[in-house]
Amino acid sequence: MNSPTVLRRRLGGELGKLRASRGMHAKDVAATLGWSASKLSRIESGQVPLQERDAAKLLAHYGVSDPDELKQLLNLTRQSRQQGWWHPYGDALPEWFRAYVGFEADATKIVTFQCELIPGLLQTEKYAWHVIRAMNPTESAEDVERRVALRMERQQILERRDPPQLWAIVGEAVIRRPVGDAATMAVQLNHLATMADERPNITVQVLPFSAGAHAAMGSSFSVLSFTDIPGSVAYSEATTSSIYTERESEVARHDETFLRLMASSVQPERSVSWLREVAEEYTR
């Protein structure tokens, strides 16, 4: 079943198409219904859940009368308001990161560049604990454990029957910087190498220091693609916030940047060998 995040995006897309097919402008529709233009914009972009009564108003305004179409769209509205699997984790998942987890759960392809740490989907439990503890030094041990458990739960998408294609590029600093003790790093790098070596849907490359200045200096990002909804989502993250964009030109720029990073990085097979070599260095 799709996540509420993706269902809201799909619903918003359908409502936007209905409005456009009627030749209506968003500001006029919003004014007629007594809404702000920003409310309708957030609904159509899938940023906010839609009340069923508001959906019924919109559909009536657009003149949708076919019983099957009405039923389908109202069912989609109800489904988009359901809680995601991550809801029980509460505050362990920041509000600004919830949309990403929803997109991630339904993505069929994920490309990610990380210059500071192993991607969350490929972290071991111990490595994740040290990362989360370092980023949340004042939190209780219980809260840190909940965040770790959430991260491990996210990785279940890689275990499903139809896992997403995951292509991860990490900077050399990621494999050189000790996170936790040497044993933690050795296990983490061997895990990363094993996932890339044994899982046909997972590719890992290392961007070496010798590449010098590169296409994503000082930034990390991900691009997520889907099969049942159009377009992709580009995502970048700061310490306490995140940026999402679905604008085609901006997503294309992220895609181009990733292609340049691929060209500057060590080839996948050699990257796997290199990861194992560095893991061995940590055990000495």
C-alpha atoms as a PDB file:
ATOM      1  CA  MET A   1       0.000   0.000   0.000  1.00  0.00           C
ATOM      2  CA  ASN A   2       1.248   3.485  -0.824  1.00  0.00           C
ATOM      3  CA  SER A   3       2.260   5.833   1.958  1.00  0.00           C
ATOM      4  CA  PRO A   4      -0.027   8.775   2.843  1.00  0.00           C
ATOM      5  CA  THR A   5       2.675  11.129   1.531  1.00  0.00           C
ATOM      6  CA  VAL A   6       2.521   9.664  -1.958  1.00  0.00           C
ATOM      7  CA  LEU A   7      -1.267   9.273  -1.879  1.00  0.00           C
ATOM      8  CA  ARG A   8      -1.631  12.994  -1.068  1.00  0.00           C
ATOM      9  CA  ARG A   9       0.660  13.785  -3.982  1.00  0.00           C
ATOM     10  CA  ARG A  10      -1.384  11.592  -6.308  1.00  0.00           C
ATOM     11  CA  LEU A  11      -4.666  13.107  -5.099  1.00  0.00           C
ATOM     12  CA  GLY A  12      -3.337  16.635  -5.490  1.00  0.00           C
ATOM     13  CA  GLY A  13      -2.222  15.841  -9.016  1.00  0.00           C
ATOM     14  CA  GLU A  14      -5.668  14.526  -9.944  1.00  0.00           C
ATOM     15  CA  LEU A  15      -7.382  17.595  -8.488  1.00  0.00           C
ATOM     16  CA  GLY A  16      -4.980  19.896 -10.322  1.00  0.00           C
ATOM     17  CA  LYS A  17      -5.736  18.126 -13.601  1.00  0.00           C
ATOM     18  CA  LEU A  18      -9.483  18.478 -13.004  1.00  0.00           C
ATOM     19  CA  ARG A  19      -9.148  22.195 -12.386  1.00  0.00           C
ATOM     20  CA  ALA A  20      -6.976  22.694 -15.470  1.00  0.00           C
ATOM     21  CA  SER A  21      -9.339  20.667 -17.662  1.00  0.00           C
ATOM     22  CA  ARG A  22     -12.144  23.034 -16.662  1.00  0.00           C
ATOM     23  CA  GLY A  23     -10.041  26.066 -17.565  1.00  0.00           C
ATOM     24  CA  MET A  24     -10.223  27.383 -13.998  1.00  0.00           C
ATOM     25  CA  HIS A  25      -7.558  29.449 -12.251  1.00  0.00           C
ATOM     26  CA  ALA A  26      -6.475  28.388  -8.773  1.00  0.00           C
ATOM     27  CA  LYS A  27      -7.050  31.812  -7.226  1.00  0.00           C
ATOM     28  CA  ASP A  28     -10.624  31.927  -8.569  1.00  0.00           C
ATOM     29  CA  VAL A  29     -11.443  28.437  -7.284  1.00  0.00           C
ATOM     30  CA  ALA A  30     -10.006  29.279  -3.871  1.00  0.00           C
ATOM     31  CA  ALA A  31     -11.975  32.538  -3.687  1.00  0.00           C
ATOM     32  CA  THR A  32     -15.239  30.808  -4.634  1.00  0.00           C
ATOM     33  CA  LEU A  33     -14.763  28.212  -1.875  1.00  0.00           C
ATOM     34  CA  GLY A  34     -13.661  30.796   0.677  1.00  0.00           C
ATOM     35  CA  TRP A  35     -10.127  29.419   0.868  1.00  0.00           C
ATOM     36  CA  SER A  36      -6.773  31.094   0.559  1.00  0.00           C
ATOM     37  CA  ALA A  37      -4.897  30.530  -2.675  1.00  0.00           C
ATOM     38  CA  SER A  38      -2.056  29.000  -0.679  1.00  0.00           C
ATOM     39  CA  LYS A  39      -4.404  26.364   0.767  1.00  0.00           C
ATOM     40  CA  LEU A  40      -5.416  25.146  -2.672  1.00  0.00           C
ATOM     41  CA  SER A  41      -1.786  25.249  -3.814  1.00  0.00           C
ATOM     42  CA  ARG A  42      -0.689  23.073  -0.864  1.00  0.00           C
ATOM     43  CA  ILE A  43      -3.530  20.630  -1.564  1.00  0.00           C
ATOM     44  CA  GLU A  44      -2.600  20.276  -5.229  1.00  0.00           C
ATOM     45  CA  SER A  45       1.090  19.821  -4.393  1.00  0.00           C
ATOM     46  CA  GLY A  46       0.250  17.164  -1.791  1.00  0.00           C
ATOM     47  CA  GLN A  47       1.801  19.117   1.069  1.00  0.00           C
ATOM     48  CA  VAL A  48      -1.239  18.903   3.333  1.00  0.00           C
ATOM     49  CA  PRO A  49      -3.985  16.307   3.898  1.00  0.00           C
ATOM     50  CA  LEU A  50      -7.410  17.102   2.472  1.00  0.00           C
ATOM     51  CA  GLN A  51     -10.600  16.801   4.515  1.00  0.00           C
ATOM     52  CA  GLU A  52     -13.231  14.666   2.813  1.00  0.00           C
ATOM     53  CA  ARG A  53     -15.790  17.468   3.021  1.00  0.00           C
ATOM     54  CA  ASP A  54     -13.350  19.843   1.299  1.00  0.00           C
ATOM     55  CA  ALA A  55     -12.734  17.232  -1.391  1.00  0.00           C
ATOM     56  CA  ALA A  56     -16.480  16.964  -1.946  1.00  0.00           C
ATOM     57  CA  LYS A  57     -16.710  20.764  -2.333  1.00  0.00           C
ATOM     58  CA  LEU A  58     -13.917  20.807  -4.875  1.00  0.00           C
ATOM     59  CA  LEU A  59     -15.378  17.951  -6.891  1.00  0.00           C
ATOM     60  CA  ALA A  60     -18.817  19.573  -6.897  1.00  0.00           C
ATOM     61  CA  HIS A  61     -17.271  22.869  -8.037  1.00  0.00           C
ATOM     62  CA  TYR A  62     -15.507  21.041 -10.866  1.00  0.00           C
ATOM     63  CA  GLY A  63     -18.768  19.412 -11.869  1.00  0.00           C
ATOM     64  CA  VAL A  64     -17.667  15.829 -11.234  1.00  0.00           C
ATOM     65  CA  SER A  65     -20.884  13.803 -11.233  1.00  0.00           C
ATOM     66  CA  ASP A  66     -19.858  10.336 -12.395  1.00  0.00           C
ATOM     67  CA  PRO A  67     -20.473   8.022  -9.372  1.00  0.00           C
ATOM     68  CA  ASP A  68     -17.402   5.873 -10.032  1.00  0.00           C
ATOM     69  CA  GLU A  69     -15.082   8.867 -10.396  1.00  0.00           C
ATOM     70  CA  LEU A  70     -16.493  10.455  -7.248  1.00  0.00           C
ATOM     71  CA  LYS A  71     -16.089   7.225  -5.299  1.00  0.00           C
ATOM     72  CA  GLN A  72     -12.519   6.749  -6.494  1.00  0.00           C
ATOM     73  CA  LEU A  73     -11.426  10.281  -5.595  1.00  0.00           C
ATOM     74  CA  LEU A  74     -13.166  10.291  -2.205  1.00  0.00           C
ATOM     75  CA  ASN A  75     -11.620   6.909  -1.385  1.00  0.00           C
ATOM     76  CA  LEU A  76      -8.234   8.313  -2.337  1.00  0.00           C
ATOM     77  CA  THR A  77      -8.923  11.278  -0.049  1.00  0.00           C
ATOM     78  CA  ARG A  78      -9.667   8.958   2.890  1.00  0.00           C
ATOM     79  CA  GLN A  79      -6.602   6.812   2.220  1.00  0.00           C
ATOM     80  CA  SER A  80      -4.349   9.874   2.000  1.00  0.00           C
ATOM     81  CA  ARG A  81      -5.359  10.855   5.538  1.00  0.00           C
ATOM     82  CA  GLN A  82      -4.276   7.572   7.117  1.00  0.00           C
ATOM     83  CA  GLN A  83      -1.282   7.543   9.412  1.00  0.00           C
ATOM     84  CA  GLY A  84       2.027   6.307   8.024  1.00  0.00           C
ATOM     85  CA  TRP A  85       3.885   3.325   9.466  1.00  0.00           C
ATOM     86  CA  TRP A  86       6.224   5.781  11.200  1.00  0.00           C
ATOM     87  CA  HIS A  87       3.459   7.372  13.307  1.00  0.00           C
ATOM     88  CA  PRO A  88       4.186   5.295  16.465  1.00  0.00           C
ATOM     89  CA  TYR A  89       7.705   6.749  16.560  1.00  0.00           C
ATOM     90  CA  GLY A  90       6.280  10.195  17.319  1.00  0.00           C
ATOM     91  CA  ASP A  91       8.893  12.868  17.956  1.00  0.00           C
ATOM     92  CA  ALA A  92      11.685  10.472  16.987  1.00  0.00           C
ATOM     93  CA  LEU A  93      10.874  11.521  13.430  1.00  0.00           C
ATOM     94  CA  PRO A  94      11.117  15.325  12.930  1.00  0.00           C
ATOM     95  CA  GLU A  95       8.176  16.911  11.161  1.00  0.00           C
ATOM     96  CA  TRP A  96      10.406  18.174   8.334  1.00  0.00           C
ATOM     97  CA  PHE A  97      11.677  14.648   7.624  1.00  0.00           C
ATOM     98  CA  ARG A  98       8.322  12.856   7.533  1.00  0.00           C
ATOM     99  CA  ALA A  99       7.616  13.686   3.909  1.00  0.00           C
ATOM    100  CA  TYR A 100      10.937  12.169   2.896  1.00  0.00           C
ATOM    101  CA  VAL A 101      10.215   8.911   4.741  1.00  0.00           C
ATOM    102  CA  GLY A 102       6.870   8.742   2.980  1.00  0.00           C
ATOM    103  CA  PHE A 103       8.452   9.291  -0.428  1.00  0.00           C
ATOM    104  CA  GLU A 104      11.202   6.797   0.373  1.00  0.00           C
ATOM    105  CA  ALA A 105       8.664   4.105   1.265  1.00  0.00           C
ATOM    106  CA  ASP A 106       7.152   4.236  -2.231  1.00  0.00           C
ATOM    107  CA  ALA A 107      10.126   5.116  -4.385  1.00  0.00           C
ATOM    108  CA  THR A 108      11.146   2.663  -7.080  1.00  0.00           C
ATOM    109  CA  LYS A 109      14.503   4.375  -7.628  1.00  0.00           C
ATOM    110  CA  ILE A 110      16.670   6.345  -5.213  1.00  0.00           C
ATOM    111  CA  VAL A 111      19.962   8.017  -6.067  1.00  0.00           C
ATOM    112  CA  THR A 112      21.836   9.700  -3.241  1.00  0.00           C
ATOM    113  CA  PHE A 113      25.124  11.507  -2.707  1.00  0.00           C
ATOM    114  CA  GLN A 114      26.430  11.805   0.834  1.00  0.00           C
ATOM    115  CA  CYS A 115      29.560  13.725   1.690  1.00  0.00           C
ATOM    116  CA  GLU A 116      29.403  13.275   5.486  1.00  0.00           C
ATOM    117  CA  LEU A 117      27.932   9.887   6.379  1.00  0.00           C
ATOM    118  CA  ILE A 118      26.756   6.512   5.129  1.00  0.00           C
ATOM    119  CA  PRO A 119      23.201   6.775   3.691  1.00  0.00           C
ATOM    120  CA  GLY A 120      20.600   5.869   6.311  1.00  0.00           C
ATOM    121  CA  LEU A 121      19.281   2.908   4.309  1.00  0.00           C
ATOM    122  CA  LEU A 122      22.745   1.318   4.413  1.00  0.00           C
ATOM    123  CA  GLN A 123      23.804   2.067   7.987  1.00  0.00           C
ATOM    124  CA  THR A 124      24.439  -0.640  10.560  1.00  0.00           C
ATOM    125  CA  GLU A 125      22.705  -0.304  13.906  1.00  0.00           C
ATOM    126  CA  LYS A 126      25.897   0.587  15.792  1.00  0.00           C
ATOM    127  CA  TYR A 127      26.997   3.152  13.213  1.00  0.00           C
ATOM    128  CA  ALA A 128      23.515   4.697  13.255  1.00  0.00           C
ATOM    129  CA  TRP A 129      23.611   4.900  17.055  1.00  0.00           C
ATOM    130  CA  HIS A 130      26.877   6.859  17.038  1.00  0.00           C
ATOM    131  CA  VAL A 131      25.654   9.216  14.289  1.00  0.00           C
ATOM    132  CA  ILE A 132      22.347   9.897  16.037  1.00  0.00           C
ATOM    133  CA  ARG A 133      23.967  10.322  19.456  1.00  0.00           C
ATOM    134  CA  ALA A 134      26.486  12.819  18.013  1.00  0.00           C
ATOM    135  CA  MET A 135      23.716  14.819  16.334  1.00  0.00           C
ATOM    136  CA  ASN A 136      21.452  14.760  19.416  1.00  0.00           C
ATOM    137  CA  PRO A 137      23.846  15.050  22.388  1.00  0.00           C
ATOM    138  CA  THR A 138      21.228  16.188  24.910  1.00  0.00           C
ATOM    139  CA  GLU A 139      18.646  13.476  24.201  1.00  0.00           C
ATOM    140  CA  SER A 140      18.060  10.593  26.566  1.00  0.00           C
ATOM    141  CA  ALA A 141      19.388   7.142  25.759  1.00  0.00           C
ATOM    142  CA  GLU A 142      15.794   6.011  25.259  1.00  0.00           C
ATOM    143  CA  ASP A 143      15.117   8.707  22.661  1.00  0.00           C
ATOM    144  CA  VAL A 144      18.315   7.870  20.797  1.00  0.00           C
ATOM    145  CA  GLU A 145      17.328   4.193  20.734  1.00  0.00           C
ATOM    146  CA  ARG A 146      13.919   5.123  19.278  1.00  0.00           C
ATOM    147  CA  ARG A 147      15.599   7.104  16.513  1.00  0.00           C
ATOM    148  CA  VAL A 148      17.897   4.172  15.779  1.00  0.00           C
ATOM    149  CA  ALA A 149      14.927   1.782  15.692  1.00  0.00           C
ATOM    150  CA  LEU A 150      13.171   4.088  13.235  1.00  0.00           C
ATOM    151  CA  ARG A 151      16.221   4.139  10.973  1.00  0.00           C
ATOM    152  CA  MET A 152      16.423   0.355  11.024  1.00  0.00           C
ATOM    153  CA  GLU A 153      12.694   0.146  10.224  1.00  0.00           C
ATOM    154  CA  ARG A 154      13.205   2.373   7.183  1.00  0.00           C
ATOM    155  CA  GLN A 155      15.623  -0.208   5.807  1.00  0.00           C
ATOM    156  CA  GLN A 156      12.817  -2.753   5.460  1.00  0.00           C
ATOM    157  CA  ILE A 157      12.064  -1.356   1.994  1.00  0.00           C
ATOM    158  CA  LEU A 158      15.266  -3.085   0.864  1.00  0.00           C
ATOM    159  CA  GLU A 159      13.901  -6.433   2.069  1.00  0.00           C
ATOM    160  CA  ARG A 160      10.581  -6.354   0.254  1.00  0.00           C
ATOM    161  CA  ARG A 161       9.902  -8.439  -2.833  1.00  0.00           C
ATOM    162  CA  ASP A 162      10.231  -5.411  -5.133  1.00  0.00           C
ATOM    163  CA  PRO A 163      12.921  -3.261  -3.483  1.00  0.00           C
ATOM    164  CA  PRO A 164      13.839   0.097  -4.981  1.00  0.00           C
ATOM    165  CA  GLN A 165      16.911   0.548  -7.133  1.00  0.00           C
ATOM    166  CA  LEU A 166      19.400   2.325  -4.860  1.00  0.00           C
ATOM    167  CA  TRP A 167      22.521   4.030  -6.205  1.00  0.00           C
ATOM    168  CA  ALA A 168      24.632   5.636  -3.496  1.00  0.00           C
ATOM    169  CA  ILE A 169      27.782   7.709  -3.889  1.00  0.00           C
ATOM    170  CA  VAL A 170      29.750   8.547  -0.744  1.00  0.00           C
ATOM    171  CA  GLY A 171      32.710  10.877  -0.428  1.00  0.00           C
ATOM    172  CA  GLU A 172      36.022   9.373   0.682  1.00  0.00           C
ATOM    173  CA  ALA A 173      35.738  11.374   3.907  1.00  0.00           C
ATOM    174  CA  VAL A 174      32.754   9.189   4.822  1.00  0.00           C
ATOM    175  CA  ILE A 175      34.848   6.023   4.883  1.00  0.00           C
ATOM    176  CA  ARG A 176      37.890   7.681   6.461  1.00  0.00           C
ATOM    177  CA  ARG A 177      36.145   9.480   9.327  1.00  0.00           C
ATOM    178  CA  PRO A 178      35.852   7.171  12.377  1.00  0.00           C
ATOM    179  CA  VAL A 179      32.285   6.984  13.646  1.00  0.00           C
ATOM    180  CA  GLY A 180      32.371   5.021  16.875  1.00  0.00           C
ATOM    181  CA  ASP A 181      35.314   2.696  17.381  1.00  0.00           C
ATOM    182  CA  ALA A 182      37.384   0.913  14.750  1.00  0.00           C
ATOM    183  CA  ALA A 183      35.275  -2.247  15.007  1.00  0.00           C
ATOM    184  CA  THR A 184      32.108  -0.252  14.286  1.00  0.00           C
ATOM    185  CA  MET A 185      33.663   1.213  11.157  1.00  0.00           C
ATOM    186  CA  ALA A 186      35.000  -2.128   9.957  1.00  0.00           C
ATOM    187  CA  VAL A 187      31.574  -3.747  10.295  1.00  0.00           C
ATOM    188  CA  GLN A 188      29.881  -0.769   8.628  1.00  0.00           C
ATOM    189  CA  LEU A 189      32.178  -0.686   5.616  1.00  0.00           C
ATOM    190  CA  ASN A 190      31.986  -4.454   5.152  1.00  0.00           C
ATOM    191  CA  HIS A 191      28.192  -4.205   5.355  1.00  0.00           C
ATOM    192  CA  LEU A 192      28.188  -1.470   2.709  1.00  0.00           C
ATOM    193  CA  ALA A 193      30.421  -3.578   0.464  1.00  0.00           C
ATOM    194  CA  THR A 194      28.304  -6.693   0.964  1.00  0.00           C
ATOM    195  CA  MET A 195      25.056  -4.890   0.159  1.00  0.00           C
ATOM    196  CA  ALA A 196      26.566  -3.544  -3.053  1.00  0.00           C
ATOM    197  CA  ASP A 197      28.162  -6.872  -3.956  1.00  0.00           C
ATOM    198  CA  GLU A 198      25.219  -9.179  -3.255  1.00  0.00           C
ATOM    199  CA  ARG A 199      22.132  -7.053  -3.941  1.00  0.00           C
ATOM    200  CA  PRO A 200      21.503  -6.475  -7.674  1.00  0.00           C
ATOM    201  CA  ASN A 201      19.374  -3.433  -6.856  1.00  0.00           C
ATOM    202  CA  ILE A 202      22.122  -1.668  -4.889  1.00  0.00           C
ATOM    203  CA  THR A 203      25.139   0.134  -6.357  1.00  0.00           C
ATOM    204  CA  VAL A 204      27.766   1.973  -4.324  1.00  0.00           C
ATOM    205  CA  GLN A 205      30.535   4.252  -5.525  1.00  0.00           C
ATOM    206  CA  VAL A 206      33.192   6.153  -3.589  1.00  0.00           C
ATOM    207  CA  LEU A 207      34.168   9.656  -4.655  1.00  0.00           C
ATOM    208  CA  PRO A 208      37.930   9.883  -3.908  1.00  0.00           C
ATOM    209  CA  PHE A 209      39.787  12.883  -2.546  1.00  0.00           C
ATOM    210  CA  SER A 210      41.867  12.742  -5.723  1.00  0.00           C
ATOM    211  CA  ALA A 211      38.796  13.813  -7.731  1.00  0.00           C
ATOM    212  CA  GLY A 212      39.375  17.287  -6.334  1.00  0.00           C
ATOM    213  CA  ALA A 213      36.603  19.855  -6.752  1.00  0.00           C
ATOM    214  CA  HIS A 214      33.418  18.102  -7.830  1.00  0.00           C
ATOM    215  CA  ALA A 215      29.859  18.835  -8.964  1.00  0.00           C
ATOM    216  CA  ALA A 216      28.292  18.789  -5.475  1.00  0.00           C
ATOM    217  CA  MET A 217      30.859  20.607  -3.369  1.00  0.00           C
ATOM    218  CA  GLY A 218      29.547  21.069   0.185  1.00  0.00           C
ATOM    219  CA  SER A 219      26.172  19.434  -0.377  1.00  0.00           C
ATOM    220  CA  SER A 220      24.376  16.117  -0.098  1.00  0.00           C
ATOM    221  CA  PHE A 221      21.126  15.254  -1.844  1.00  0.00           C
ATOM    222  CA  SER A 222      18.802  12.504  -3.001  1.00  0.00           C
ATOM    223  CA  VAL A 223      16.467  12.111  -5.974  1.00  0.00           C
ATOM    224  CA  LEU A 224      13.508   9.743  -5.627  1.00  0.00           C
ATOM    225  CA  SER A 225      11.483   8.406  -8.558  1.00  0.00           C
ATOM    226  CA  PHE A 226       8.188   6.501  -8.694  1.00  0.00           C
ATOM    227  CA  THR A 227       6.239   4.356 -11.135  1.00  0.00           C
ATOM    228  CA  ASP A 228       2.622   5.210 -10.321  1.00  0.00           C
ATOM    229  CA  ILE A 229       2.944   8.983 -10.006  1.00  0.00           C
ATOM    230  CA  PRO A 230       4.623  11.329 -12.497  1.00  0.00           C
ATOM    231  CA  GLY A 231       7.860  13.141 -11.885  1.00  0.00           C
ATOM    232  CA  SER A 232      10.611  12.800  -9.313  1.00  0.00           C
ATOM    233  CA  VAL A 233      11.440  14.543  -6.042  1.00  0.00           C
ATOM    234  CA  ALA A 234      14.829  16.050  -5.236  1.00  0.00           C
ATOM    235  CA  TYR A 235      15.669  16.354  -1.557  1.00  0.00           C
ATOM    236  CA  SER A 236      18.442  18.042   0.394  1.00  0.00           C
ATOM    237  CA  GLU A 237      18.793  18.314   4.145  1.00  0.00           C
ATOM    238  CA  ALA A 238      20.239  20.715   6.714  1.00  0.00           C
ATOM    239  CA  THR A 239      20.563  20.234  10.470  1.00  0.00           C
ATOM    240  CA  THR A 240      16.996  21.198  11.342  1.00  0.00           C
ATOM    241  CA  SER A 241      15.220  21.539   8.011  1.00  0.00           C
ATOM    242  CA  SER A 242      14.958  20.133   4.516  1.00  0.00           C
ATOM    243  CA  ILE A 243      14.229  21.258   0.986  1.00  0.00           C
ATOM    244  CA  TYR A 244      12.061  19.364  -1.492  1.00  0.00           C
ATOM    245  CA  THR A 245      11.571  20.244  -5.114  1.00  0.00           C
ATOM    246  CA  GLU A 246       9.488  18.637  -7.835  1.00  0.00           C
ATOM    247  CA  ARG A 247      10.167  21.364 -10.409  1.00  0.00           C
ATOM    248  CA  GLU A 248      11.303  19.547 -13.522  1.00  0.00           C
ATOM    249  CA  SER A 249      14.222  21.871 -14.247  1.00  0.00           C
ATOM    250  CA  GLU A 250      15.584  21.598 -10.694  1.00  0.00           C
ATOM    251  CA  VAL A 251      15.199  17.822 -10.562  1.00  0.00           C
ATOM    252  CA  ALA A 252      17.003  17.625 -13.919  1.00  0.00           C
ATOM    253  CA  ARG A 253      19.843  19.673 -12.487  1.00  0.00           C
ATOM    254  CA  HIS A 254      20.177  17.249  -9.566  1.00  0.00           C
ATOM    255  CA  ASP A 255      20.150  14.339 -12.019  1.00  0.00           C
ATOM    256  CA  GLU A 256      22.910  15.977 -14.067  1.00  0.00           C
ATOM    257  CA  THR A 257      24.957  16.602 -10.932  1.00  0.00           C
ATOM    258  CA  PHE A 258      24.623  12.951  -9.952  1.00  0.00           C
ATOM    259  CA  LEU A 259      25.793  11.838 -13.394  1.00  0.00           C
ATOM    260  CA  ARG A 260      28.863  14.045 -13.031  1.00  0.00           C
ATOM    261  CA  LEU A 261      29.547  12.549  -9.591  1.00  0.00           C
ATOM    262  CA  MET A 262      29.267   9.047 -11.057  1.00  0.00           C
ATOM    263  CA  ALA A 263      31.878   9.939 -13.654  1.00  0.00           C
ATOM    264  CA  SER A 264      34.237  11.351 -10.993  1.00  0.00           C
ATOM    265  CA  SER A 265      33.826   8.393  -8.634  1.00  0.00           C
ATOM    266  CA  VAL A 266      35.599   5.055  -8.532  1.00  0.00           C
ATOM    267  CA  GLN A 267      33.730   2.416 -10.543  1.00  0.00           C
ATOM    268  CA  PRO A 268      31.339   0.190  -8.539  1.00  0.00           C
ATOM    269  CA  GLU A 269      33.438  -3.015  -8.520  1.00  0.00           C
ATOM    270  CA  ARG A 270      36.577  -1.171  -7.492  1.00  0.00           C
ATOM    271  CA  SER A 271      34.570   0.781  -4.885  1.00  0.00           C
ATOM    272  CA  VAL A 272      33.472  -2.483  -3.254  1.00  0.00           C
ATOM    273  CA  SER A 273      37.080  -3.688  -3.097  1.00  0.00           C
ATOM    274  CA  TRP A 274      38.194  -0.348  -1.700  1.00  0.00           C
ATOM    275  CA  LEU A 275      35.540  -0.468   1.020  1.00  0.00           C
ATOM    276  CA  ARG A 276      36.796  -3.886   2.122  1.00  0.00           C
ATOM    277  CA  GLU A 277      40.403  -2.675   2.087  1.00  0.00           C
ATOM    278  CA  VAL A 278      39.593   0.294   4.324  1.00  0.00           C
ATOM    279  CA  ALA A 279      37.544  -1.985   6.590  1.00  0.00           C
ATOM    280  CA  GLU A 280      40.638  -4.149   6.952  1.00  0.00           C
ATOM    281  CA  GLU A 281      42.678  -1.067   7.877  1.00  0.00           C
ATOM    282  CA  TYR A 282      40.290  -0.395  10.764  1.00  0.00           C
ATOM    283  CA  THR A 283      40.911  -3.883  12.172  1.00  0.00           C
ATOM    284  CA  ARG A 284      44.691  -3.476  12.362  1.00  0.00           C
END
